[in-house]
């Protein structure tokens, strides 16, 4: 069997995993201990991110002709790939968080939704909250005015409703008019 036939299934595996990916991040994992690597893989798996180590030549062949071709210049030295099809910021966020405790992990570059980012750009992407967090913040901000309106309506109902409030305003209005009338003479 020729060498090309042995390498093709690996390139096809990479191509299949990046086909529907929203983001791909390449990292240099040199210097990580086995324990750190295990923790990193667990954290990425929990976030729904695929993480594998491939030879740069395999990645190069898999990236050619795809939107991830912009990562080819960063394929130097030992390279691991974090791929996410669901949450575009998850790989960058998990890797950046883990890199704070394991300073040997180095994010080389990444592509998020078709845009190429270097290590500094990936740090910025990592600071973006997850989609679920953004949705919950949006819903919280939308719920706040409704909650305040409901609270005001409840206070009005406790005081006797809108008719009681208008009756109280009507009672106060003639009293104010009577006070102003003698002053006019």
C-alpha atoms as a PDB file:
ATOM      1  CA  UNK A   1       0.000   0.000   0.000  1.00  0.00           C
ATOM      2  CA  UNK A   2       1.386   3.411  -0.953  1.00  0.00           C
ATOM      3  CA  UNK A   3       2.005   6.132   1.622  1.00  0.00           C
ATOM      4  CA  UNK A   4      -0.633   8.343   0.034  1.00  0.00           C
ATOM      5  CA  UNK A   5      -3.290   5.695   0.591  1.00  0.00           C
ATOM      6  CA  UNK A   6      -2.362   5.533   4.288  1.00  0.00           C
ATOM      7  CA  UNK A   7      -2.560   9.313   4.706  1.00  0.00           C
ATOM      8  CA  UNK A   8      -5.790   9.891   2.786  1.00  0.00           C
ATOM      9  CA  UNK A   9      -8.144   8.573   5.531  1.00  0.00           C
ATOM     10  CA  UNK A  10      -6.587  10.971   8.066  1.00  0.00           C
ATOM     11  CA  UNK A  11      -6.924  13.941   5.708  1.00  0.00           C
ATOM     12  CA  UNK A  12     -10.519  12.894   4.986  1.00  0.00           C
ATOM     13  CA  UNK A  13     -11.213  12.712   8.739  1.00  0.00           C
ATOM     14  CA  UNK A  14      -9.925  16.258   9.226  1.00  0.00           C
ATOM     15  CA  UNK A  15     -11.864  17.495   6.185  1.00  0.00           C
ATOM     16  CA  UNK A  16     -15.078  15.931   7.494  1.00  0.00           C
ATOM     17  CA  UNK A  17     -14.653  17.496  10.940  1.00  0.00           C
ATOM     18  CA  UNK A  18     -14.016  21.010   9.578  1.00  0.00           C
ATOM     19  CA  UNK A  19     -16.725  20.852   6.904  1.00  0.00           C
ATOM     20  CA  UNK A  20     -19.480  22.282   9.138  1.00  0.00           C
ATOM     21  CA  UNK A  21     -17.213  23.947  11.700  1.00  0.00           C
ATOM     22  CA  UNK A  22     -17.983  27.457  12.899  1.00  0.00           C
ATOM     23  CA  UNK A  23     -14.492  27.828  14.304  1.00  0.00           C
ATOM     24  CA  UNK A  24     -11.095  26.142  14.179  1.00  0.00           C
ATOM     25  CA  UNK A  25      -8.249  27.089  16.526  1.00  0.00           C
ATOM     26  CA  UNK A  26      -4.671  25.831  16.199  1.00  0.00           C
ATOM     27  CA  UNK A  27      -2.485  25.653  19.299  1.00  0.00           C
ATOM     28  CA  UNK A  28       1.046  24.730  20.281  1.00  0.00           C
ATOM     29  CA  UNK A  29       0.726  22.213  23.097  1.00  0.00           C
ATOM     30  CA  UNK A  30       4.472  21.759  23.749  1.00  0.00           C
ATOM     31  CA  UNK A  31       5.339  21.552  27.420  1.00  0.00           C
ATOM     32  CA  UNK A  32       1.957  20.426  28.737  1.00  0.00           C
ATOM     33  CA  UNK A  33       2.059  17.594  31.216  1.00  0.00           C
ATOM     34  CA  UNK A  34      -0.109  14.544  30.687  1.00  0.00           C
ATOM     35  CA  UNK A  35      -2.343  15.679  33.550  1.00  0.00           C
ATOM     36  CA  UNK A  36      -2.759  19.154  32.042  1.00  0.00           C
ATOM     37  CA  UNK A  37      -3.480  17.699  28.606  1.00  0.00           C
ATOM     38  CA  UNK A  38      -6.114  15.402  30.112  1.00  0.00           C
ATOM     39  CA  UNK A  39      -7.756  18.343  31.910  1.00  0.00           C
ATOM     40  CA  UNK A  40      -7.708  20.401  28.715  1.00  0.00           C
ATOM     41  CA  UNK A  41      -9.281  17.626  26.665  1.00  0.00           C
ATOM     42  CA  UNK A  42     -11.987  17.156  29.314  1.00  0.00           C
ATOM     43  CA  UNK A  43     -12.801  20.884  29.405  1.00  0.00           C
ATOM     44  CA  UNK A  44     -12.992  21.045  25.604  1.00  0.00           C
ATOM     45  CA  UNK A  45     -15.135  17.906  25.403  1.00  0.00           C
ATOM     46  CA  UNK A  46     -17.575  19.380  27.967  1.00  0.00           C
ATOM     47  CA  UNK A  47     -17.831  22.512  25.804  1.00  0.00           C
ATOM     48  CA  UNK A  48     -18.638  20.400  22.724  1.00  0.00           C
ATOM     49  CA  UNK A  49     -15.262  21.015  21.082  1.00  0.00           C
ATOM     50  CA  UNK A  50     -13.261  18.382  19.189  1.00  0.00           C
ATOM     51  CA  UNK A  51      -9.553  18.483  20.042  1.00  0.00           C
ATOM     52  CA  UNK A  52      -6.924  16.424  18.237  1.00  0.00           C
ATOM     53  CA  UNK A  53      -3.241  16.456  17.413  1.00  0.00           C
ATOM     54  CA  UNK A  54      -2.388  16.034  13.726  1.00  0.00           C
ATOM     55  CA  UNK A  55       0.712  16.350  11.625  1.00  0.00           C
ATOM     56  CA  UNK A  56       0.983  19.736   9.947  1.00  0.00           C
ATOM     57  CA  UNK A  57       1.116  18.149   6.487  1.00  0.00           C
ATOM     58  CA  UNK A  58      -2.247  16.438   7.073  1.00  0.00           C
ATOM     59  CA  UNK A  59      -3.772  19.714   8.255  1.00  0.00           C
ATOM     60  CA  UNK A  60      -2.241  21.510   5.293  1.00  0.00           C
ATOM     61  CA  UNK A  61      -3.851  19.106   2.822  1.00  0.00           C
ATOM     62  CA  UNK A  62      -7.211  19.226   4.658  1.00  0.00           C
ATOM     63  CA  UNK A  63      -7.268  23.051   4.803  1.00  0.00           C
ATOM     64  CA  UNK A  64      -6.381  23.579   1.126  1.00  0.00           C
ATOM     65  CA  UNK A  65      -9.328  24.908  -0.843  1.00  0.00           C
ATOM     66  CA  UNK A  66     -11.497  25.541   2.235  1.00  0.00           C
ATOM     67  CA  UNK A  67     -12.302  28.632   4.266  1.00  0.00           C
ATOM     68  CA  UNK A  68      -9.669  27.419   6.751  1.00  0.00           C
ATOM     69  CA  UNK A  69      -6.798  27.819   4.298  1.00  0.00           C
ATOM     70  CA  UNK A  70      -5.805  30.993   6.159  1.00  0.00           C
ATOM     71  CA  UNK A  71      -4.428  28.812   8.977  1.00  0.00           C
ATOM     72  CA  UNK A  72      -1.744  27.205   6.764  1.00  0.00           C
ATOM     73  CA  UNK A  73       0.949  29.840   7.592  1.00  0.00           C
ATOM     74  CA  UNK A  74       0.512  29.027  11.304  1.00  0.00           C
ATOM     75  CA  UNK A  75       1.179  25.295  10.881  1.00  0.00           C
ATOM     76  CA  UNK A  76       4.698  25.184  12.315  1.00  0.00           C
ATOM     77  CA  UNK A  77       5.924  23.074  15.198  1.00  0.00           C
ATOM     78  CA  UNK A  78       3.644  20.752  17.154  1.00  0.00           C
ATOM     79  CA  UNK A  79       0.039  21.568  16.357  1.00  0.00           C
ATOM     80  CA  UNK A  80      -3.247  20.574  17.917  1.00  0.00           C
ATOM     81  CA  UNK A  81      -6.610  21.609  16.500  1.00  0.00           C
ATOM     82  CA  UNK A  82      -9.761  22.569  18.409  1.00  0.00           C
ATOM     83  CA  UNK A  83     -12.906  22.438  16.248  1.00  0.00           C
ATOM     84  CA  UNK A  84     -16.424  23.528  17.136  1.00  0.00           C
ATOM     85  CA  UNK A  85     -19.509  23.156  14.987  1.00  0.00           C
ATOM     86  CA  UNK A  86     -21.947  24.647  17.527  1.00  0.00           C
ATOM     87  CA  UNK A  87     -20.455  27.535  19.512  1.00  0.00           C
ATOM     88  CA  UNK A  88     -18.070  29.699  17.497  1.00  0.00           C
ATOM     89  CA  UNK A  89     -16.308  31.139  20.542  1.00  0.00           C
ATOM     90  CA  UNK A  90     -16.091  27.968  22.663  1.00  0.00           C
ATOM     91  CA  UNK A  91     -12.656  26.728  21.515  1.00  0.00           C
ATOM     92  CA  UNK A  92     -11.013  30.127  22.004  1.00  0.00           C
ATOM     93  CA  UNK A  93     -12.751  30.683  25.350  1.00  0.00           C
ATOM     94  CA  UNK A  94     -11.814  27.263  26.809  1.00  0.00           C
ATOM     95  CA  UNK A  95      -8.248  27.368  25.470  1.00  0.00           C
ATOM     96  CA  UNK A  96      -7.634  30.929  26.725  1.00  0.00           C
ATOM     97  CA  UNK A  97      -9.033  30.073  30.155  1.00  0.00           C
ATOM     98  CA  UNK A  98      -6.870  26.975  30.338  1.00  0.00           C
ATOM     99  CA  UNK A  99      -3.781  28.865  29.107  1.00  0.00           C
ATOM    100  CA  UNK A 100      -4.016  31.096  32.196  1.00  0.00           C
ATOM    101  CA  UNK A 101      -3.195  28.098  34.408  1.00  0.00           C
ATOM    102  CA  UNK A 102      -0.951  26.260  31.927  1.00  0.00           C
ATOM    103  CA  UNK A 103       1.324  28.930  30.487  1.00  0.00           C
ATOM    104  CA  UNK A 104       2.946  26.415  28.094  1.00  0.00           C
ATOM    105  CA  UNK A 105      -0.224  26.260  25.974  1.00  0.00           C
ATOM    106  CA  UNK A 106       0.031  28.794  23.159  1.00  0.00           C
ATOM    107  CA  UNK A 107      -2.814  29.732  20.848  1.00  0.00           C
ATOM    108  CA  UNK A 108      -1.293  30.234  17.402  1.00  0.00           C
ATOM    109  CA  UNK A 109      -4.318  31.401  15.403  1.00  0.00           C
ATOM    110  CA  UNK A 110      -7.882  30.559  14.522  1.00  0.00           C
ATOM    111  CA  UNK A 111     -10.720  31.068  12.134  1.00  0.00           C
ATOM    112  CA  UNK A 112     -14.103  32.053  13.540  1.00  0.00           C
ATOM    113  CA  UNK A 113     -17.035  32.169  11.123  1.00  0.00           C
ATOM    114  CA  UNK A 114     -14.726  32.647   8.126  1.00  0.00           C
ATOM    115  CA  UNK A 115     -12.436  35.328   9.612  1.00  0.00           C
ATOM    116  CA  UNK A 116      -8.761  34.630  10.336  1.00  0.00           C
ATOM    117  CA  UNK A 117      -7.440  35.830  13.706  1.00  0.00           C
ATOM    118  CA  UNK A 118      -3.908  35.712  15.072  1.00  0.00           C
ATOM    119  CA  UNK A 119      -3.135  34.944  18.731  1.00  0.00           C
ATOM    120  CA  UNK A 120      -4.111  38.463  19.877  1.00  0.00           C
ATOM    121  CA  UNK A 121      -7.368  38.326  17.929  1.00  0.00           C
ATOM    122  CA  UNK A 122      -8.189  34.949  19.433  1.00  0.00           C
ATOM    123  CA  UNK A 123      -7.689  36.453  22.902  1.00  0.00           C
ATOM    124  CA  UNK A 124     -10.339  39.041  22.019  1.00  0.00           C
ATOM    125  CA  UNK A 125     -12.665  36.310  20.709  1.00  0.00           C
ATOM    126  CA  UNK A 126     -12.144  34.375  23.957  1.00  0.00           C
ATOM    127  CA  UNK A 127     -13.535  37.309  25.937  1.00  0.00           C
ATOM    128  CA  UNK A 128     -16.907  37.052  24.154  1.00  0.00           C
ATOM    129  CA  UNK A 129     -19.442  35.230  26.327  1.00  0.00           C
ATOM    130  CA  UNK A 130     -21.100  32.077  25.032  1.00  0.00           C
ATOM    131  CA  UNK A 131     -24.300  32.239  23.013  1.00  0.00           C
ATOM    132  CA  UNK A 132     -26.342  30.983  25.971  1.00  0.00           C
ATOM    133  CA  UNK A 133     -24.980  33.711  28.246  1.00  0.00           C
ATOM    134  CA  UNK A 134     -25.698  36.399  25.633  1.00  0.00           C
ATOM    135  CA  UNK A 135     -29.261  35.128  25.165  1.00  0.00           C
ATOM    136  CA  UNK A 136     -29.888  35.072  28.924  1.00  0.00           C
ATOM    137  CA  UNK A 137     -28.570  38.656  29.202  1.00  0.00           C
ATOM    138  CA  UNK A 138     -30.851  39.743  26.373  1.00  0.00           C
ATOM    139  CA  UNK A 139     -33.861  38.088  27.950  1.00  0.00           C
ATOM    140  CA  UNK A 140     -32.982  39.617  31.314  1.00  0.00           C
ATOM    141  CA  UNK A 141     -32.827  43.093  29.817  1.00  0.00           C
ATOM    142  CA  UNK A 142     -36.123  42.542  28.015  1.00  0.00           C
ATOM    143  CA  UNK A 143     -37.769  41.206  31.162  1.00  0.00           C
ATOM    144  CA  UNK A 144     -36.712  44.156  33.347  1.00  0.00           C
ATOM    145  CA  UNK A 145     -39.154  46.767  31.923  1.00  0.00           C
ATOM    146  CA  UNK A 146     -42.012  44.262  32.002  1.00  0.00           C
ATOM    147  CA  UNK A 147     -41.227  43.438  35.635  1.00  0.00           C
ATOM    148  CA  UNK A 148     -41.136  47.124  36.580  1.00  0.00           C
ATOM    149  CA  UNK A 149     -44.454  47.751  34.809  1.00  0.00           C
ATOM    150  CA  UNK A 150     -46.028  44.816  36.635  1.00  0.00           C
ATOM    151  CA  UNK A 151     -44.713  46.132  39.959  1.00  0.00           C
ATOM    152  CA  UNK A 152     -46.266  49.591  39.330  1.00  0.00           C
ATOM    153  CA  UNK A 153     -49.577  48.023  38.330  1.00  0.00           C
ATOM    154  CA  UNK A 154     -49.583  45.929  41.522  1.00  0.00           C
ATOM    155  CA  UNK A 155     -48.942  49.021  43.634  1.00  0.00           C
ATOM    156  CA  UNK A 156     -51.844  50.780  41.949  1.00  0.00           C
ATOM    157  CA  UNK A 157     -54.091  47.792  42.577  1.00  0.00           C
ATOM    158  CA  UNK A 158     -53.050  47.690  46.250  1.00  0.00           C
ATOM    159  CA  UNK A 159     -54.011  51.357  46.647  1.00  0.00           C
ATOM    160  CA  UNK A 160     -57.483  50.745  45.237  1.00  0.00           C
ATOM    161  CA  UNK A 161     -56.911  50.679  41.533  1.00  0.00           C
ATOM    162  CA  UNK A 162     -56.789  53.377  38.897  1.00  0.00           C
ATOM    163  CA  UNK A 163     -60.236  54.773  39.859  1.00  0.00           C
ATOM    164  CA  UNK A 164     -59.055  55.384  43.415  1.00  0.00           C
ATOM    165  CA  UNK A 165     -55.951  57.108  42.118  1.00  0.00           C
ATOM    166  CA  UNK A 166     -58.010  59.369  39.821  1.00  0.00           C
ATOM    167  CA  UNK A 167     -60.494  60.075  42.640  1.00  0.00           C
ATOM    168  CA  UNK A 168     -57.614  61.034  44.901  1.00  0.00           C
ATOM    169  CA  UNK A 169     -56.227  63.351  42.197  1.00  0.00           C
ATOM    170  CA  UNK A 170     -59.710  64.909  41.734  1.00  0.00           C
ATOM    171  CA  UNK A 171     -60.032  65.496  45.480  1.00  0.00           C
ATOM    172  CA  UNK A 172     -56.625  67.155  45.591  1.00  0.00           C
ATOM    173  CA  UNK A 173     -57.311  69.362  42.553  1.00  0.00           C
ATOM    174  CA  UNK A 174     -60.273  71.368  44.051  1.00  0.00           C
ATOM    175  CA  UNK A 175     -58.378  71.824  47.286  1.00  0.00           C
ATOM    176  CA  UNK A 176     -55.478  73.314  45.385  1.00  0.00           C
ATOM    177  CA  UNK A 177     -57.880  75.504  43.378  1.00  0.00           C
ATOM    178  CA  UNK A 178     -59.520  76.772  46.610  1.00  0.00           C
ATOM    179  CA  UNK A 179     -56.156  77.657  48.054  1.00  0.00           C
ATOM    180  CA  UNK A 180     -55.221  79.550  44.892  1.00  0.00           C
ATOM    181  CA  UNK A 181     -58.581  81.343  44.547  1.00  0.00           C
ATOM    182  CA  UNK A 182     -58.368  83.523  47.734  1.00  0.00           C
ATOM    183  CA  UNK A 183     -54.843  84.523  46.814  1.00  0.00           C
ATOM    184  CA  UNK A 184     -56.138  85.903  43.516  1.00  0.00           C
ATOM    185  CA  UNK A 185     -58.425  88.482  45.241  1.00  0.00           C
END
